[in-house]
Amino acid sequence: MSIRRFFIIEIRRVLRSPALYIALLLGILLAVSQIVQYVFHFADINKLELYMDIDFMFPHSVLTSMMGFASGEWQSYALVEIAPLLAVIPFANSYYLDIKNGYVKNLYTRASKKSYLVSKYIVTFLSGAAAVAIPLLVNFLVCMMVVPYIQPITGTALFGIPFQTFWADLFYTNGILYVLGFCGIYAIFGGLYACLSLVAAFLVNNRFLVQLFPLIVIMAGSMILDISKNSLYAPRMLLQMGQGFSISGIRILLIIGALFIITLTYFWRGAKNDTI
């Protein structure tokens, strides 16, 4: 059986899993709560033109109202913190369960380990990416329907992106692409979080610990980074789209690379494991 065939089987499994829709629902509820608490309020201020009472103030727009940009909102921070949990809900423990219930033994009578392992990794990555990135994308699209999109203007001090920071040029020339770019970064982190659970299948013998493994890794890694005074490398800092501080693209690439290398041990252990 080819990788393509295995991929179709795994995609069907995840799409039929209630866990996928539970994860999406949880994330979207968080995104909607931000809209109800902040965006509708900003839209009302726009209608009343209260912003005109303050000198050098623009109407509230998408890039000052959505998750990650609205002053005082907590939902974007919450999404970043729970991302390792959201990412694993849809499909991340399926590999562990396939091993335990003997499902992979039946598959290996018809196909190679490589086809199964590669397709499992890709689908697990996609499921985690969707669970983390789609809530942010939904928040963005709804904001586009509630408040106007106004292209940021440099030098006004009304937008929180420092000009010298990550993707600042893109933010001030095409804010929509900036947001979509960050949705892509969220998707990559979500996918890698989910794939960390594939590694956990060889390390722990409990399905709940398998699902908690990405959160444990991220929390432990963040603690080490904090102690070593390198907290700007922690995902909770790198995924702050509003950038109240300077984010480095190099740091993002380094952490993505580190997580990717960790997940690659799944292929090594999976190929060596003679019990499956």
Protein backbone atom coordinates (compact mmCIF):
# COMPACT_ATOMS: atom_id res chain seq x y z
CA MET A 1 0.00 0.00 0.00
CA SER A 2 1.42 3.38 -1.01
CA ILE A 3 1.92 6.48 1.12
CA ARG A 4 -0.91 8.13 -0.83
CA ARG A 5 -3.32 5.33 0.07
CA PHE A 6 -2.30 5.40 3.72
CA PHE A 7 -2.66 9.19 3.70
CA ILE A 8 -6.25 8.94 2.46
CA ILE A 9 -7.07 6.36 5.14
CA GLU A 10 -5.60 8.51 7.91
CA ILE A 11 -7.33 11.67 6.64
CA ARG A 12 -10.66 9.85 6.67
CA ARG A 13 -9.99 8.69 10.21
CA VAL A 14 -9.27 12.17 11.52
CA LEU A 15 -12.19 13.75 9.66
CA ARG A 16 -14.54 11.18 11.18
CA SER A 17 -13.15 11.70 14.67
CA PRO A 18 -15.31 13.79 17.04
CA ALA A 19 -12.07 14.86 18.74
CA LEU A 20 -11.15 17.04 15.76
CA TYR A 21 -14.35 19.01 16.02
CA ILE A 22 -14.12 19.24 19.79
CA ALA A 23 -10.66 20.82 19.47
CA LEU A 24 -11.87 23.22 16.80
CA LEU A 25 -14.92 24.12 18.88
CA LEU A 26 -12.79 24.90 21.94
CA GLY A 27 -10.45 27.12 19.96
CA ILE A 28 -13.25 28.88 18.10
CA LEU A 29 -15.12 29.53 21.36
CA LEU A 30 -12.01 31.30 22.60
CA ALA A 31 -11.84 33.33 19.39
CA VAL A 32 -15.54 34.22 19.55
CA SER A 33 -15.26 35.27 23.21
CA GLN A 34 -12.63 37.81 22.17
CA ILE A 35 -14.97 39.18 19.50
CA VAL A 36 -17.88 39.47 21.94
CA GLN A 37 -15.77 41.04 24.69
CA TYR A 38 -13.70 43.45 22.61
CA VAL A 39 -14.46 43.70 18.90
CA PHE A 40 -18.19 44.46 19.22
CA HIS A 41 -17.31 47.13 21.78
CA PHE A 42 -14.81 48.71 19.40
CA ALA A 43 -17.40 48.61 16.61
CA ASP A 44 -19.84 50.50 18.84
CA ILE A 45 -17.20 53.14 19.53
CA ASN A 46 -16.70 53.53 15.79
CA LYS A 47 -20.42 54.02 15.25
CA LEU A 48 -20.53 56.75 17.88
CA GLU A 49 -17.33 58.28 16.48
CA LEU A 50 -15.94 58.52 20.01
CA TYR A 51 -12.46 58.19 18.60
CA MET A 52 -12.84 61.70 17.23
CA ASP A 53 -12.71 63.08 20.78
CA ILE A 54 -9.05 62.08 20.96
CA ASP A 55 -6.43 63.83 18.86
CA PHE A 56 -4.46 61.65 16.44
CA MET A 57 -6.76 58.68 16.98
CA PHE A 58 -7.93 56.37 14.21
CA PRO A 59 -11.16 54.35 14.14
CA HIS A 60 -10.77 50.90 15.60
CA SER A 61 -9.84 48.51 12.83
CA VAL A 62 -9.02 44.85 12.30
CA LEU A 63 -5.35 45.35 13.16
CA THR A 64 -6.17 47.04 16.47
CA SER A 65 -9.11 44.84 17.46
CA MET A 66 -8.49 41.17 16.63
CA MET A 67 -6.74 38.59 18.82
CA GLY A 68 -3.16 39.61 19.37
CA PHE A 69 -3.74 43.31 18.79
CA ALA A 70 -6.59 44.46 21.05
CA SER A 71 -5.34 46.25 24.14
CA GLY A 72 -5.96 44.28 27.33
CA GLU A 73 -7.37 41.17 25.69
CA TRP A 74 -6.35 37.83 27.17
CA GLN A 75 -7.61 35.38 24.56
CA SER A 76 -4.53 35.47 22.34
CA TYR A 77 -2.32 34.65 25.32
CA ALA A 78 -4.67 31.84 26.29
CA LEU A 79 -4.57 30.39 22.77
CA VAL A 80 -0.77 30.32 22.81
CA GLU A 81 -0.67 28.69 26.25
CA ILE A 82 -3.21 25.95 25.47
CA ALA A 83 -1.95 25.35 21.92
CA PRO A 84 0.02 22.20 22.99
CA LEU A 85 -3.24 20.78 24.38
CA LEU A 86 -5.47 21.81 21.48
CA ALA A 87 -3.02 20.37 18.96
CA VAL A 88 -3.08 16.87 20.44
CA ILE A 89 -6.84 16.48 20.83
CA PRO A 90 -7.77 15.62 17.21
CA PHE A 91 -5.37 12.79 16.33
CA ALA A 92 -2.10 12.86 18.26
CA ASN A 93 -2.72 9.74 20.37
CA SER A 94 -3.87 7.66 17.39
CA TYR A 95 -0.39 6.21 16.81
CA TYR A 96 -0.15 5.07 20.43
CA LEU A 97 -3.62 3.49 20.19
CA ASP A 98 -2.78 1.85 16.85
CA ILE A 99 0.17 0.14 18.52
CA LYS A 100 -1.75 -0.93 21.60
CA ASN A 101 -4.76 -2.38 19.80
CA GLY A 102 -2.69 -4.17 17.17
CA TYR A 103 -4.03 -2.12 14.27
CA VAL A 104 -0.58 -1.54 12.79
CA LYS A 105 0.17 -5.26 12.72
CA ASN A 106 -2.73 -5.78 10.35
CA LEU A 107 -1.57 -2.90 8.18
CA TYR A 108 2.00 -4.20 7.95
CA THR A 109 0.80 -7.40 6.36
CA ARG A 110 -0.16 -5.29 3.33
CA ALA A 111 2.27 -2.39 3.33
CA SER A 112 5.63 -1.13 4.56
CA LYS A 113 6.33 0.68 7.81
CA LYS A 114 7.60 3.68 5.90
CA SER A 115 4.28 4.32 4.16
CA TYR A 116 2.38 4.14 7.41
CA LEU A 117 4.85 6.21 9.45
CA VAL A 118 5.09 9.01 6.88
CA SER A 119 1.34 9.26 6.36
CA LYS A 120 0.72 9.18 10.12
CA TYR A 121 3.20 12.03 10.64
CA ILE A 122 1.70 14.19 7.88
CA VAL A 123 -1.91 13.74 9.01
CA THR A 124 -1.03 14.24 12.67
CA PHE A 125 0.82 17.43 11.74
CA LEU A 126 -2.13 18.71 9.70
CA SER A 127 -4.62 17.95 12.49
CA GLY A 128 -2.56 19.87 15.05
CA ALA A 129 -2.00 22.73 12.63
CA ALA A 130 -5.74 23.06 12.01
CA ALA A 131 -6.64 22.95 15.71
CA VAL A 132 -4.27 25.83 16.54
CA ALA A 133 -4.46 28.05 13.44
CA ILE A 134 -8.15 27.89 12.50
CA PRO A 135 -9.39 29.71 15.66
CA LEU A 136 -7.04 32.62 14.90
CA LEU A 137 -8.16 32.64 11.27
CA VAL A 138 -11.85 32.61 12.30
CA ASN A 139 -11.25 35.53 14.64
CA PHE A 140 -9.56 37.45 11.83
CA LEU A 141 -12.34 36.80 9.30
CA VAL A 142 -15.12 37.76 11.71
CA CYS A 143 -13.24 40.93 12.66
CA MET A 144 -13.09 41.81 8.97
CA MET A 145 -16.91 41.73 8.98
CA VAL A 146 -17.35 43.77 12.17
CA VAL A 147 -14.74 46.54 12.03
CA PRO A 148 -13.04 48.16 9.02
CA TYR A 149 -9.67 47.19 7.70
CA ILE A 150 -7.36 50.21 7.81
CA GLN A 151 -3.82 49.85 6.57
CA PRO A 152 -1.38 50.74 9.40
CA ILE A 153 0.54 53.98 9.03
CA THR A 154 4.12 54.21 10.23
CA GLY A 155 5.16 56.97 12.61
CA THR A 156 1.73 57.33 14.23
CA ALA A 157 2.53 55.27 17.36
CA LEU A 158 -1.02 53.90 17.09
CA PHE A 159 0.07 50.40 16.14
CA GLY A 160 2.08 48.16 18.42
CA ILE A 161 4.53 46.70 15.91
CA PRO A 162 8.01 48.19 16.33
CA PHE A 163 9.33 49.13 12.90
CA GLN A 164 12.59 47.21 13.38
CA THR A 165 10.97 43.94 14.42
CA PHE A 166 9.89 40.72 12.68
CA TRP A 167 7.86 41.29 9.48
CA ALA A 168 7.36 44.98 10.34
CA ASP A 169 7.70 45.97 6.69
CA LEU A 170 4.98 43.49 5.75
CA PHE A 171 2.71 44.73 8.54
CA TYR A 172 2.91 48.33 7.34
CA THR A 173 2.52 47.45 3.66
CA ASN A 174 0.03 44.57 3.74
CA GLY A 175 -1.46 43.82 7.14
CA ILE A 176 -3.63 41.01 5.75
CA LEU A 177 -0.59 39.05 4.60
CA TYR A 178 1.04 39.72 7.97
CA VAL A 179 -1.88 38.12 9.80
CA LEU A 180 -2.06 35.20 7.36
CA GLY A 181 1.69 34.72 7.77
CA PHE A 182 1.28 34.44 11.53
CA CYS A 183 -1.59 32.00 11.01
CA GLY A 184 0.94 29.91 9.09
CA ILE A 185 3.43 30.13 11.96
CA TYR A 186 0.71 29.09 14.41
CA ALA A 187 -0.08 26.15 12.11
CA ILE A 188 3.55 25.01 12.05
CA PHE A 189 3.84 25.15 15.82
CA GLY A 190 0.50 23.36 16.23
CA GLY A 191 1.56 20.64 13.82
CA LEU A 192 4.88 20.09 15.57
CA TYR A 193 3.17 20.06 18.98
CA ALA A 194 0.90 17.26 17.75
CA CYS A 195 3.84 15.31 16.33
CA LEU A 196 5.61 15.43 19.70
CA SER A 197 2.97 12.96 20.85
CA LEU A 198 4.18 10.52 18.20
CA VAL A 199 7.53 10.49 19.98
CA ALA A 200 5.79 10.05 23.34
CA ALA A 201 4.26 6.77 22.11
CA PHE A 202 7.69 5.17 22.65
CA LEU A 203 8.42 6.85 25.97
CA VAL A 204 5.29 6.42 28.09
CA ASN A 205 2.68 3.72 28.45
CA ASN A 206 -0.39 5.83 29.09
CA ARG A 207 -2.58 7.53 26.49
CA PHE A 208 -3.19 10.56 28.68
CA LEU A 209 0.53 11.07 29.25
CA VAL A 210 1.00 10.78 25.49
CA GLN A 211 -1.41 13.68 25.03
CA LEU A 212 0.16 15.70 27.83
CA PHE A 213 3.68 15.15 26.53
CA PRO A 214 3.81 18.23 24.23
CA LEU A 215 2.60 20.49 27.05
CA ILE A 216 5.21 19.02 29.40
CA VAL A 217 7.97 19.51 26.82
CA ILE A 218 6.97 23.12 26.12
CA MET A 219 6.58 23.99 29.80
CA ALA A 220 9.91 22.40 30.71
CA GLY A 221 11.64 24.04 27.77
CA SER A 222 10.18 27.44 28.64
CA MET A 223 11.32 27.04 32.25
CA ILE A 224 14.86 26.24 31.13
CA LEU A 225 14.84 29.23 28.79
CA ASP A 226 13.59 31.50 31.57
CA ILE A 227 16.28 30.30 33.98
CA SER A 228 18.98 30.76 31.35
CA LYS A 229 17.63 34.25 30.57
CA ASN A 230 16.66 33.28 27.05
CA SER A 231 12.90 33.62 27.51
CA LEU A 232 12.51 35.35 24.12
CA TYR A 233 13.02 31.93 22.54
CA ALA A 234 9.95 30.49 24.31
CA PRO A 235 6.95 29.82 22.04
CA ARG A 236 4.72 31.91 24.32
CA MET A 237 6.87 34.90 23.32
CA LEU A 238 7.41 34.01 19.67
CA LEU A 239 3.70 33.58 18.98
CA GLN A 240 2.63 37.02 20.20
CA MET A 241 1.43 38.53 16.93
CA GLY A 242 1.00 42.00 18.43
CA GLN A 243 4.72 42.11 19.29
CA GLY A 244 4.83 44.36 22.34
CA PHE A 245 8.54 43.55 22.14
CA SER A 246 10.90 42.74 19.32
CA ILE A 247 10.48 39.23 17.88
CA SER A 248 13.34 37.72 15.90
CA GLY A 249 12.68 35.57 12.85
CA ILE A 250 15.89 33.67 13.59
CA ARG A 251 14.54 32.66 17.00
CA ILE A 252 11.33 31.39 15.41
CA LEU A 253 13.30 29.31 12.90
CA LEU A 254 15.57 27.90 15.60
CA ILE A 255 12.68 26.75 17.80
CA ILE A 256 10.80 25.31 14.82
CA GLY A 257 13.98 23.48 13.83
CA ALA A 258 14.51 22.13 17.34
CA LEU A 259 10.92 20.85 17.59
CA PHE A 260 11.16 19.31 14.11
CA ILE A 261 14.36 17.45 14.99
CA ILE A 262 12.74 16.06 18.13
CA THR A 263 9.76 14.80 16.14
CA LEU A 264 12.06 13.08 13.63
CA THR A 265 13.05 10.59 16.35
CA TYR A 266 9.56 9.14 15.75
CA PHE A 267 10.72 7.79 12.38
CA TRP A 268 13.89 6.32 13.86
CA ARG A 269 12.09 4.60 16.73
CA GLY A 270 9.18 3.58 14.55
CA ALA A 271 11.45 1.90 12.00
CA LYS A 272 13.39 0.09 14.73
CA ASN A 273 10.38 -1.07 16.72
CA ASP A 274 9.97 -4.76 15.93
CA THR A 275 6.79 -5.09 17.99
CA ILE A 276 4.71 -3.31 15.37
